[in-house]
Amino acid sequence: MKRRQWITAAAAALLSAAGPVAMADEAVVPAAKIIDALRSKDIVIDRPGQPAQQDPAIDLQVQFTFGSATLTPVGKRQLDELAMALGDRALANASFLLAGHTDAVGGLDVNMRLSLQRAEAVKGYLVTAHRLAPVRLQTLGYGPTRLADPANPQAALNRRVEVRRLRPGVATGQAPAAAAARLVPTPGR
């Protein structure tokens, strides 16, 4: 093979290898979008017959190794963006619920445990890699009980980590009232 052909083939191989990486990065939600989603909404208007406004939240597709709570490199990049957002002035004094969700593949007990382990892995990464205060972060595991796509219970969209800003006064280590009847939160670390 001539040198020019070899260089062309090598460049093509590198570009094709970079394609999936670029696509994976597209799935990473940037810090600015996370800040906007989690920023406090000061005006709350309750209207009869309409549900009350919920705490600001965002679903992030944090990737893990299949069937485990081990973060992938793309999952870590997403959490790096989350850490930048949580460190921003607009969110620096707030507390957050990190809620793990799974799809409906496998047994309920396994998925409940896995979703909590994943939420705890997210918290652990944010605390160790980015030095976020652990008292700002609560963890819960919902398993497959709150599917993002109920029509497709095995869809990847259901495997996610929900980040919800907690109202002031919600103590660390306690579940929000709506979830308290169903789930047992992890004690603050």
N, C-alpha and C. Protein backbone atom coordinates (compact mmCIF):
# COMPACT_ATOMS: atom_id res chain seq x y z
N MET A 1 0.85 -1.18 0.00
CA MET A 1 0.00 0.00 0.00
C MET A 1 0.89 1.23 0.00
N LYS A 2 0.54 2.16 -0.87
CA LYS A 2 1.31 3.39 -0.95
C LYS A 2 1.03 4.25 0.27
N ARG A 3 1.98 5.13 0.55
CA ARG A 3 1.88 5.98 1.74
C ARG A 3 0.61 6.84 1.70
N ARG A 4 0.30 7.42 0.55
CA ARG A 4 -0.88 8.29 0.44
C ARG A 4 -2.16 7.49 0.70
N GLN A 5 -2.24 6.27 0.17
CA GLN A 5 -3.41 5.42 0.39
C GLN A 5 -3.52 5.05 1.87
N TRP A 6 -2.36 4.77 2.49
CA TRP A 6 -2.37 4.40 3.91
C TRP A 6 -2.87 5.57 4.76
N ILE A 7 -2.39 6.80 4.46
CA ILE A 7 -2.82 7.98 5.21
C ILE A 7 -4.31 8.22 5.03
N THR A 8 -4.80 8.07 3.80
CA THR A 8 -6.23 8.25 3.52
C THR A 8 -7.05 7.22 4.28
N ALA A 9 -6.60 5.96 4.27
CA ALA A 9 -7.32 4.90 4.98
C ALA A 9 -7.29 5.15 6.49
N ALA A 10 -6.16 5.60 7.00
CA ALA A 10 -6.05 5.88 8.43
C ALA A 10 -6.95 7.04 8.83
N ALA A 11 -6.99 8.09 8.01
CA ALA A 11 -7.85 9.23 8.30
C ALA A 11 -9.32 8.82 8.27
N ALA A 12 -9.70 8.00 7.30
CA ALA A 12 -11.08 7.52 7.22
C ALA A 12 -11.44 6.70 8.44
N ALA A 13 -10.51 5.87 8.88
CA ALA A 13 -10.76 5.05 10.07
C ALA A 13 -10.93 5.93 11.31
N LEU A 14 -10.10 6.96 11.43
CA LEU A 14 -10.21 7.86 12.57
C LEU A 14 -11.53 8.62 12.54
N LEU A 15 -11.93 9.10 11.37
CA LEU A 15 -13.19 9.84 11.27
C LEU A 15 -14.38 8.94 11.58
N SER A 16 -14.35 7.71 11.10
CA SER A 16 -15.47 6.82 11.40
C SER A 16 -15.49 6.45 12.87
N ALA A 17 -14.31 6.34 13.47
CA ALA A 17 -14.26 6.06 14.91
C ALA A 17 -14.74 7.25 15.72
N ALA A 18 -14.52 8.46 15.23
CA ALA A 18 -14.95 9.66 15.95
C ALA A 18 -16.45 9.88 15.85
N GLY A 19 -17.09 9.31 14.82
CA GLY A 19 -18.52 9.48 14.64
C GLY A 19 -19.34 9.10 15.86
N PRO A 20 -19.21 7.86 16.40
CA PRO A 20 -19.98 7.50 17.56
C PRO A 20 -19.66 8.35 18.78
N VAL A 21 -18.41 8.78 18.92
CA VAL A 21 -18.06 9.61 20.05
C VAL A 21 -18.81 10.94 19.96
N ALA A 22 -18.82 11.52 18.76
CA ALA A 22 -19.53 12.78 18.58
C ALA A 22 -21.02 12.59 18.85
N MET A 23 -21.57 11.47 18.38
CA MET A 23 -22.99 11.22 18.63
C MET A 23 -23.25 11.05 20.12
N ALA A 24 -22.36 10.39 20.82
CA ALA A 24 -22.54 10.19 22.26
C ALA A 24 -22.49 11.53 22.99
N ASP A 25 -21.59 12.44 22.54
CA ASP A 25 -21.50 13.75 23.16
C ASP A 25 -22.75 14.58 22.93
N GLU A 26 -23.44 14.35 21.79
CA GLU A 26 -24.67 15.08 21.53
C GLU A 26 -25.72 14.78 22.59
N ALA A 27 -25.68 13.61 23.18
CA ALA A 27 -26.66 13.22 24.18
C ALA A 27 -26.37 13.88 25.53
N VAL A 28 -25.19 14.45 25.70
CA VAL A 28 -24.83 15.10 26.95
C VAL A 28 -25.51 16.47 27.02
N VAL A 29 -26.32 16.66 28.05
CA VAL A 29 -27.04 17.92 28.24
C VAL A 29 -26.06 18.93 28.82
N PRO A 30 -25.92 20.10 28.19
CA PRO A 30 -24.96 21.10 28.68
C PRO A 30 -25.41 21.74 29.99
N ALA A 31 -24.43 22.25 30.73
CA ALA A 31 -24.69 22.85 32.04
C ALA A 31 -25.71 23.98 31.96
N ALA A 32 -25.66 24.79 30.92
CA ALA A 32 -26.60 25.92 30.81
C ALA A 32 -28.04 25.45 30.75
N LYS A 33 -28.28 24.35 30.04
CA LYS A 33 -29.65 23.82 29.94
C LYS A 33 -30.10 23.24 31.29
N ILE A 34 -29.17 22.61 32.01
CA ILE A 34 -29.48 22.06 33.33
C ILE A 34 -29.82 23.19 34.30
N ILE A 35 -29.02 24.26 34.27
CA ILE A 35 -29.27 25.41 35.14
C ILE A 35 -30.66 25.98 34.86
N ASP A 36 -30.98 26.14 33.59
CA ASP A 36 -32.28 26.70 33.22
C ASP A 36 -33.42 25.81 33.73
N ALA A 37 -33.27 24.51 33.61
CA ALA A 37 -34.33 23.59 34.05
C ALA A 37 -34.49 23.57 35.57
N LEU A 38 -33.39 23.75 36.30
CA LEU A 38 -33.42 23.63 37.76
C LEU A 38 -33.56 24.97 38.48
N ARG A 39 -33.51 26.06 37.74
CA ARG A 39 -33.64 27.39 38.34
C ARG A 39 -35.02 27.50 38.99
N SER A 40 -35.05 28.13 40.13
CA SER A 40 -36.29 28.30 40.89
C SER A 40 -37.28 29.13 40.10
N LYS A 41 -38.50 28.69 40.11
CA LYS A 41 -39.58 29.44 39.49
C LYS A 41 -40.31 30.18 40.61
N ASP A 42 -40.11 31.49 40.70
CA ASP A 42 -40.61 32.26 41.82
C ASP A 42 -42.12 32.44 41.84
N ILE A 43 -42.75 32.53 40.68
CA ILE A 43 -44.19 32.79 40.64
C ILE A 43 -44.93 31.46 40.54
N VAL A 44 -45.80 31.21 41.51
CA VAL A 44 -46.59 29.98 41.52
C VAL A 44 -48.05 30.38 41.61
N ILE A 45 -48.82 30.00 40.61
CA ILE A 45 -50.25 30.29 40.61
C ILE A 45 -50.98 28.95 40.66
N ASP A 46 -51.73 28.75 41.74
CA ASP A 46 -52.53 27.53 41.86
C ASP A 46 -53.92 27.82 41.32
N ARG A 47 -54.37 26.97 40.42
CA ARG A 47 -55.70 27.10 39.88
C ARG A 47 -56.50 25.86 40.24
N PRO A 48 -57.75 26.03 40.64
CA PRO A 48 -58.58 24.87 40.97
C PRO A 48 -58.65 23.89 39.80
N GLY A 49 -58.53 22.62 40.11
CA GLY A 49 -58.63 21.59 39.10
C GLY A 49 -57.35 21.31 38.34
N GLN A 50 -56.27 22.05 38.64
CA GLN A 50 -55.00 21.81 37.98
C GLN A 50 -53.97 21.36 39.01
N PRO A 51 -53.08 20.46 38.61
CA PRO A 51 -52.07 20.00 39.58
C PRO A 51 -51.17 21.15 40.02
N ALA A 52 -50.72 21.07 41.27
CA ALA A 52 -49.80 22.08 41.80
C ALA A 52 -48.47 21.99 41.06
N GLN A 53 -47.79 23.11 40.99
CA GLN A 53 -46.49 23.15 40.32
C GLN A 53 -45.49 22.29 41.09
N GLN A 54 -44.72 21.48 40.36
CA GLN A 54 -43.72 20.63 40.99
C GLN A 54 -42.39 21.38 41.08
N ASP A 55 -41.51 20.81 41.90
CA ASP A 55 -40.16 21.37 42.00
C ASP A 55 -39.48 21.27 40.63
N PRO A 56 -38.63 22.24 40.28
CA PRO A 56 -37.91 22.18 39.00
C PRO A 56 -37.10 20.89 38.90
N ALA A 57 -37.13 20.26 37.72
CA ALA A 57 -36.44 18.98 37.54
C ALA A 57 -35.99 18.81 36.10
N ILE A 58 -35.05 17.87 35.91
CA ILE A 58 -34.59 17.50 34.57
C ILE A 58 -34.21 16.02 34.60
N ASP A 59 -34.54 15.31 33.53
CA ASP A 59 -34.12 13.92 33.36
C ASP A 59 -32.83 13.91 32.55
N LEU A 60 -31.82 13.21 33.05
CA LEU A 60 -30.55 13.10 32.34
C LEU A 60 -30.30 11.64 31.99
N GLN A 61 -29.85 11.39 30.78
CA GLN A 61 -29.51 10.04 30.35
C GLN A 61 -28.07 9.74 30.76
N VAL A 62 -27.88 9.46 32.04
CA VAL A 62 -26.56 9.12 32.56
C VAL A 62 -26.32 7.65 32.24
N GLN A 63 -25.26 7.37 31.51
CA GLN A 63 -25.03 6.00 31.06
C GLN A 63 -24.17 5.22 32.04
N PHE A 64 -24.59 3.96 32.23
CA PHE A 64 -23.91 3.01 33.10
C PHE A 64 -23.60 1.75 32.30
N THR A 65 -22.64 0.98 32.77
CA THR A 65 -22.39 -0.33 32.21
C THR A 65 -23.64 -1.17 32.41
N PHE A 66 -23.99 -2.00 31.43
CA PHE A 66 -25.23 -2.78 31.48
C PHE A 66 -25.37 -3.55 32.79
N GLY A 67 -26.52 -3.38 33.43
CA GLY A 67 -26.85 -4.14 34.63
C GLY A 67 -26.02 -3.78 35.86
N SER A 68 -25.36 -2.62 35.83
CA SER A 68 -24.51 -2.26 36.97
C SER A 68 -24.64 -0.77 37.28
N ALA A 69 -23.97 -0.34 38.34
CA ALA A 69 -23.93 1.07 38.72
C ALA A 69 -22.58 1.69 38.37
N THR A 70 -21.86 1.08 37.44
CA THR A 70 -20.56 1.60 37.01
C THR A 70 -20.79 2.61 35.89
N LEU A 71 -20.34 3.83 36.09
CA LEU A 71 -20.50 4.90 35.10
C LEU A 71 -19.63 4.65 33.88
N THR A 72 -20.17 4.97 32.70
CA THR A 72 -19.37 4.92 31.47
C THR A 72 -18.70 6.29 31.31
N PRO A 73 -17.73 6.41 30.39
CA PRO A 73 -17.12 7.73 30.15
C PRO A 73 -18.15 8.79 29.74
N VAL A 74 -19.13 8.42 28.93
CA VAL A 74 -20.17 9.38 28.54
C VAL A 74 -21.00 9.77 29.76
N GLY A 75 -21.29 8.80 30.62
CA GLY A 75 -22.02 9.10 31.85
C GLY A 75 -21.26 10.08 32.73
N LYS A 76 -19.95 9.92 32.80
CA LYS A 76 -19.13 10.85 33.59
C LYS A 76 -19.13 12.24 32.98
N ARG A 77 -19.11 12.32 31.64
CA ARG A 77 -19.16 13.64 30.98
C ARG A 77 -20.48 14.34 31.31
N GLN A 78 -21.58 13.56 31.34
CA GLN A 78 -22.87 14.17 31.69
C GLN A 78 -22.84 14.68 33.13
N LEU A 79 -22.24 13.92 34.01
CA LEU A 79 -22.16 14.34 35.41
C LEU A 79 -21.21 15.52 35.60
N ASP A 80 -20.21 15.64 34.75
CA ASP A 80 -19.34 16.82 34.80
C ASP A 80 -20.15 18.08 34.47
N GLU A 81 -21.03 17.97 33.49
CA GLU A 81 -21.92 19.10 33.15
C GLU A 81 -22.88 19.39 34.30
N LEU A 82 -23.42 18.32 34.91
CA LEU A 82 -24.32 18.51 36.06
C LEU A 82 -23.58 19.21 37.20
N ALA A 83 -22.35 18.80 37.46
CA ALA A 83 -21.57 19.42 38.55
C ALA A 83 -21.33 20.90 38.28
N MET A 84 -21.04 21.25 37.01
CA MET A 84 -20.86 22.67 36.69
C MET A 84 -22.15 23.43 36.97
N ALA A 85 -23.28 22.84 36.62
CA ALA A 85 -24.57 23.49 36.85
C ALA A 85 -24.85 23.65 38.34
N LEU A 86 -24.62 22.59 39.11
CA LEU A 86 -24.92 22.65 40.55
C LEU A 86 -23.98 23.60 41.29
N GLY A 87 -22.83 23.89 40.70
CA GLY A 87 -21.90 24.84 41.29
C GLY A 87 -22.16 26.28 40.87
N ASP A 88 -23.07 26.48 39.92
CA ASP A 88 -23.38 27.82 39.44
C ASP A 88 -24.05 28.64 40.54
N ARG A 89 -23.86 29.96 40.50
CA ARG A 89 -24.46 30.85 41.50
C ARG A 89 -25.95 30.63 41.68
N ALA A 90 -26.66 30.37 40.59
CA ALA A 90 -28.11 30.22 40.65
C ALA A 90 -28.55 28.98 41.43
N LEU A 91 -27.66 27.98 41.54
CA LEU A 91 -28.03 26.72 42.18
C LEU A 91 -27.14 26.36 43.37
N ALA A 92 -26.13 27.17 43.65
CA ALA A 92 -25.09 26.81 44.63
C ALA A 92 -25.62 26.56 46.04
N ASN A 93 -26.73 27.15 46.42
CA ASN A 93 -27.24 26.96 47.78
C ASN A 93 -28.44 26.03 47.85
N ALA A 94 -28.76 25.39 46.76
CA ALA A 94 -29.95 24.52 46.71
C ALA A 94 -29.58 23.07 47.01
N SER A 95 -30.59 22.30 47.39
CA SER A 95 -30.45 20.85 47.58
C SER A 95 -31.20 20.13 46.48
N PHE A 96 -30.77 18.90 46.20
CA PHE A 96 -31.32 18.17 45.06
C PHE A 96 -31.59 16.71 45.39
N LEU A 97 -32.61 16.18 44.74
CA LEU A 97 -32.92 14.76 44.80
C LEU A 97 -32.36 14.13 43.53
N LEU A 98 -31.55 13.09 43.69
CA LEU A 98 -31.03 12.31 42.57
C LEU A 98 -31.82 11.01 42.57
N ALA A 99 -32.70 10.84 41.60
CA ALA A 99 -33.59 9.68 41.56
C ALA A 99 -33.22 8.79 40.38
N GLY A 100 -32.86 7.55 40.68
CA GLY A 100 -32.52 6.59 39.65
C GLY A 100 -33.77 5.90 39.12
N HIS A 101 -33.81 5.69 37.81
CA HIS A 101 -34.91 5.00 37.15
C HIS A 101 -34.32 3.90 36.27
N THR A 102 -35.05 2.81 36.13
CA THR A 102 -34.63 1.73 35.23
C THR A 102 -35.75 1.46 34.23
N ASP A 103 -35.45 0.59 33.26
CA ASP A 103 -36.50 0.11 32.38
C ASP A 103 -37.17 -1.08 33.09
N ALA A 104 -38.04 -1.78 32.39
CA ALA A 104 -38.78 -2.88 33.01
C ALA A 104 -38.17 -4.25 32.70
N VAL A 105 -36.94 -4.29 32.21
CA VAL A 105 -36.27 -5.56 31.97
C VAL A 105 -35.78 -6.10 33.30
N GLY A 106 -36.09 -7.34 33.61
CA GLY A 106 -35.67 -7.94 34.87
C GLY A 106 -36.71 -7.79 35.96
N GLY A 107 -36.39 -8.33 37.12
CA GLY A 107 -37.32 -8.33 38.24
C GLY A 107 -37.42 -6.98 38.94
N LEU A 108 -38.55 -6.76 39.59
CA LEU A 108 -38.79 -5.50 40.28
C LEU A 108 -37.76 -5.26 41.38
N ASP A 109 -37.48 -6.27 42.21
CA ASP A 109 -36.52 -6.10 43.31
C ASP A 109 -35.13 -5.73 42.78
N VAL A 110 -34.70 -6.40 41.73
CA VAL A 110 -33.38 -6.12 41.15
C VAL A 110 -33.34 -4.69 40.62
N ASN A 111 -34.38 -4.27 39.92
CA ASN A 111 -34.41 -2.92 39.35
C ASN A 111 -34.52 -1.84 40.43
N MET A 112 -35.26 -2.10 41.48
CA MET A 112 -35.34 -1.12 42.58
C MET A 112 -33.95 -0.93 43.21
N ARG A 113 -33.28 -2.03 43.45
CA ARG A 113 -31.94 -1.96 44.04
C ARG A 113 -30.95 -1.28 43.09
N LEU A 114 -31.01 -1.65 41.80
CA LEU A 114 -30.10 -1.08 40.80
C LEU A 114 -30.32 0.42 40.64
N SER A 115 -31.58 0.85 40.64
CA SER A 115 -31.84 2.29 40.47
C SER A 115 -31.29 3.09 41.65
N LEU A 116 -31.40 2.55 42.85
CA LEU A 116 -30.84 3.23 44.02
C LEU A 116 -29.31 3.23 43.96
N GLN A 117 -28.72 2.11 43.57
CA GLN A 117 -27.25 2.05 43.44
C GLN A 117 -26.75 3.05 42.42
N ARG A 118 -27.48 3.22 41.34
CA ARG A 118 -27.08 4.18 40.31
C ARG A 118 -27.20 5.62 40.83
N ALA A 119 -28.26 5.91 41.54
CA ALA A 119 -28.41 7.25 42.13
C ALA A 119 -27.27 7.51 43.11
N GLU A 120 -26.92 6.50 43.89
CA GLU A 120 -25.80 6.65 44.84
C GLU A 120 -24.47 6.79 44.11
N ALA A 121 -24.31 6.11 42.96
CA ALA A 121 -23.09 6.26 42.17
C ALA A 121 -22.97 7.68 41.62
N VAL A 122 -24.09 8.26 41.20
CA VAL A 122 -24.10 9.64 40.73
C VAL A 122 -23.68 10.57 41.86
N LYS A 123 -24.27 10.38 43.03
CA LYS A 123 -23.91 11.21 44.19
C LYS A 123 -22.43 11.04 44.53
N GLY A 124 -21.97 9.81 44.56
CA GLY A 124 -20.57 9.55 44.87
C GLY A 124 -19.63 10.23 43.90
N TYR A 125 -19.95 10.20 42.62
CA TYR A 125 -19.11 10.85 41.61
C TYR A 125 -19.10 12.36 41.81
N LEU A 126 -20.27 12.94 42.04
CA LEU A 126 -20.35 14.39 42.23
C LEU A 126 -19.59 14.84 43.47
N VAL A 127 -19.64 14.02 44.52
CA VAL A 127 -18.96 14.37 45.78
C VAL A 127 -17.46 14.19 45.65
N THR A 128 -17.02 13.07 45.07
CA THR A 128 -15.57 12.80 45.02
C THR A 128 -14.87 13.54 43.89
N ALA A 129 -15.45 13.55 42.70
CA ALA A 129 -14.77 14.18 41.55
C ALA A 129 -14.94 15.69 41.52
N HIS A 130 -16.04 16.18 42.10
CA HIS A 130 -16.32 17.62 42.00
C HIS A 130 -16.48 18.31 43.35
N ARG A 131 -16.29 17.57 44.42
CA ARG A 131 -16.31 18.12 45.77
C ARG A 131 -17.61 18.86 46.12
N LEU A 132 -18.73 18.34 45.60
CA LEU A 132 -20.02 18.91 46.01
C LEU A 132 -20.33 18.40 47.42
N ALA A 133 -20.98 19.22 48.20
CA ALA A 133 -21.31 18.85 49.57
C ALA A 133 -22.36 17.74 49.56
N PRO A 134 -22.07 16.62 50.21
CA PRO A 134 -23.01 15.49 50.19
C PRO A 134 -24.36 15.83 50.82
N VAL A 135 -24.40 16.79 51.74
CA VAL A 135 -25.68 17.14 52.38
C VAL A 135 -26.64 17.81 51.41
N ARG A 136 -26.14 18.26 50.25
CA ARG A 136 -27.01 18.88 49.23
C ARG A 136 -27.71 17.86 48.37
N LEU A 137 -27.31 16.59 48.46
CA LEU A 137 -27.78 15.57 47.53
C LEU A 137 -28.46 14.41 48.26
N GLN A 138 -29.69 14.12 47.89
CA GLN A 138 -30.42 12.96 48.40
C GLN A 138 -30.52 11.94 47.27
N THR A 139 -30.66 10.68 47.61
CA THR A 139 -30.81 9.66 46.58
C THR A 139 -32.04 8.81 46.84
N LEU A 140 -32.69 8.44 45.76
CA LEU A 140 -33.83 7.52 45.78
C LEU A 140 -33.75 6.62 44.56
N GLY A 141 -34.31 5.44 44.67
CA GLY A 141 -34.41 4.54 43.53
C GLY A 141 -35.87 4.24 43.23
N TYR A 142 -36.31 4.60 42.04
CA TYR A 142 -37.69 4.34 41.63
C TYR A 142 -37.83 3.05 40.83
N GLY A 143 -36.72 2.48 40.38
CA GLY A 143 -36.81 1.29 39.55
C GLY A 143 -37.65 1.57 38.31
N PRO A 144 -38.52 0.62 37.92
CA PRO A 144 -39.35 0.82 36.74
C PRO A 144 -40.74 1.39 37.07
N THR A 145 -40.91 1.96 38.26
CA THR A 145 -42.25 2.40 38.69
C THR A 145 -42.69 3.72 38.07
N ARG A 146 -41.77 4.47 37.48
CA ARG A 146 -42.11 5.76 36.85
C ARG A 146 -41.44 5.83 35.48
N LEU A 147 -41.94 5.05 34.56
CA LEU A 147 -41.35 4.97 33.23
C LEU A 147 -41.55 6.27 32.47
N ALA A 148 -40.51 6.74 31.80
CA ALA A 148 -40.62 7.92 30.95
C ALA A 148 -41.42 7.59 29.69
N ASP A 149 -41.37 6.33 29.27
CA ASP A 149 -42.10 5.87 28.08
C ASP A 149 -42.88 4.61 28.45
N PRO A 150 -44.04 4.76 29.10
CA PRO A 150 -44.81 3.59 29.53
C PRO A 150 -45.25 2.68 28.39
N ALA A 151 -45.39 3.23 27.19
CA ALA A 151 -45.79 2.41 26.05
C ALA A 151 -44.67 1.46 25.62
N ASN A 152 -43.43 1.80 25.98
CA ASN A 152 -42.26 0.97 25.65
C ASN A 152 -41.44 0.74 26.91
N PRO A 153 -41.89 -0.15 27.79
CA PRO A 153 -41.23 -0.30 29.09
C PRO A 153 -39.77 -0.75 29.05
N GLN A 154 -39.32 -1.28 27.90
CA GLN A 154 -37.92 -1.71 27.81
C GLN A 154 -37.04 -0.67 27.11
N ALA A 155 -37.60 0.48 26.76
CA ALA A 155 -36.87 1.50 26.02
C ALA A 155 -35.75 2.12 26.85
N ALA A 156 -34.67 2.49 26.18
CA ALA A 156 -33.52 3.12 26.84
C ALA A 156 -33.90 4.44 27.50
N LEU A 157 -34.90 5.13 26.99
CA LEU A 157 -35.36 6.39 27.56
C LEU A 157 -35.76 6.25 29.03
N ASN A 158 -36.19 5.07 29.41
CA ASN A 158 -36.61 4.83 30.80
C ASN A 158 -35.44 4.73 31.76
N ARG A 159 -34.24 4.45 31.24
CA ARG A 159 -33.04 4.34 32.08
C ARG A 159 -32.43 5.73 32.19
N ARG A 160 -32.67 6.37 33.35
CA ARG A 160 -32.25 7.75 33.48
C ARG A 160 -32.05 8.11 34.94
N VAL A 161 -31.49 9.28 35.16
CA VAL A 161 -31.37 9.84 36.50
C VAL A 161 -32.12 11.17 36.48
N GLU A 162 -33.09 11.29 37.36
CA GLU A 162 -33.86 12.52 37.49
C GLU A 162 -33.18 13.39 38.55
N VAL A 163 -32.98 14.64 38.22
CA VAL A 163 -32.41 15.60 39.17
C VAL A 163 -33.51 16.61 39.47
N ARG A 164 -33.93 16.65 40.72
CA ARG A 164 -35.03 17.53 41.13
C ARG A 164 -34.55 18.48 42.21
N ARG A 165 -34.77 19.75 42.00
CA ARG A 165 -34.43 20.76 43.02
C ARG A 165 -35.45 20.66 44.14
N LEU A 166 -34.98 20.59 45.37
CA LEU A 166 -35.86 20.47 46.52
C LEU A 166 -36.18 21.84 47.08
N ARG A 167 -37.41 21.97 47.55
CA ARG A 167 -37.81 23.22 48.19
C ARG A 167 -37.04 23.39 49.49
N PRO A 168 -36.76 24.63 49.88
CA PRO A 168 -36.12 24.85 51.17
C PRO A 168 -36.97 24.23 52.28
N GLY A 169 -36.31 23.62 53.24
CA GLY A 169 -37.03 23.00 54.34
C GLY A 169 -37.21 21.50 54.19
N VAL A 170 -36.91 20.95 53.01
CA VAL A 170 -36.96 19.49 52.85
C VAL A 170 -35.63 18.97 53.38
N ALA A 171 -35.69 18.27 54.49
CA ALA A 171 -34.46 17.83 55.17
C ALA A 171 -33.74 16.76 54.38
N THR A 172 -32.41 16.82 54.39
CA THR A 172 -31.61 15.80 53.74
C THR A 172 -31.87 14.46 54.41
N GLY A 173 -32.01 13.43 53.58
CA GLY A 173 -32.25 12.10 54.11
C GLY A 173 -33.73 11.78 54.26
N GLN A 174 -34.60 12.73 53.93
CA GLN A 174 -36.03 12.47 53.99
C GLN A 174 -36.59 12.55 52.58
N ALA A 175 -37.52 11.66 52.27
CA ALA A 175 -38.12 11.65 50.96
C ALA A 175 -39.16 12.75 50.86
N PRO A 176 -39.35 13.33 49.66
CA PRO A 176 -40.44 14.26 49.48
C PRO A 176 -41.75 13.55 49.80
N ALA A 177 -42.75 14.29 50.22
CA ALA A 177 -44.00 13.71 50.69
C ALA A 177 -44.62 12.76 49.67
N ALA A 178 -44.59 13.09 48.39
CA ALA A 178 -45.22 12.24 47.38
C ALA A 178 -44.54 10.88 47.26
N ALA A 179 -43.24 10.82 47.52
CA ALA A 179 -42.52 9.57 47.35
C ALA A 179 -42.37 8.80 48.65
N ALA A 180 -42.62 9.41 49.77
CA ALA A 180 -42.33 8.80 51.06
C ALA A 180 -43.10 7.50 51.28
N ALA A 181 -44.31 7.40 50.75
CA ALA A 181 -45.11 6.21 50.97
C ALA A 181 -44.59 5.01 50.20
N ARG A 182 -43.83 5.25 49.12
CA ARG A 182 -43.41 4.16 48.27
C ARG A 182 -41.95 3.77 48.41
N LEU A 183 -41.10 4.71 48.75
CA LEU A 183 -39.67 4.47 48.69
C LEU A 183 -38.99 4.80 49.99
N VAL A 184 -37.89 4.12 50.20
CA VAL A 184 -37.09 4.39 51.39
C VAL A 184 -35.84 5.11 50.93
N PRO A 185 -35.65 6.37 51.36
CA PRO A 185 -34.47 7.13 50.93
C PRO A 185 -33.20 6.65 51.59
N THR A 186 -32.09 6.97 50.96
CA THR A 186 -30.79 6.68 51.52
C THR A 186 -30.46 7.75 52.55
N PRO A 187 -29.97 7.37 53.73
CA PRO A 187 -29.60 8.40 54.70
C PRO A 187 -28.47 9.26 54.15
N GLY A 188 -28.47 10.54 54.53
CA GLY A 188 -27.43 11.45 54.07
C GLY A 188 -26.05 10.97 54.49
N ARG A 189 -25.08 11.23 53.65
CA ARG A 189 -23.72 10.78 53.94
C ARG A 189 -22.83 11.94 54.19
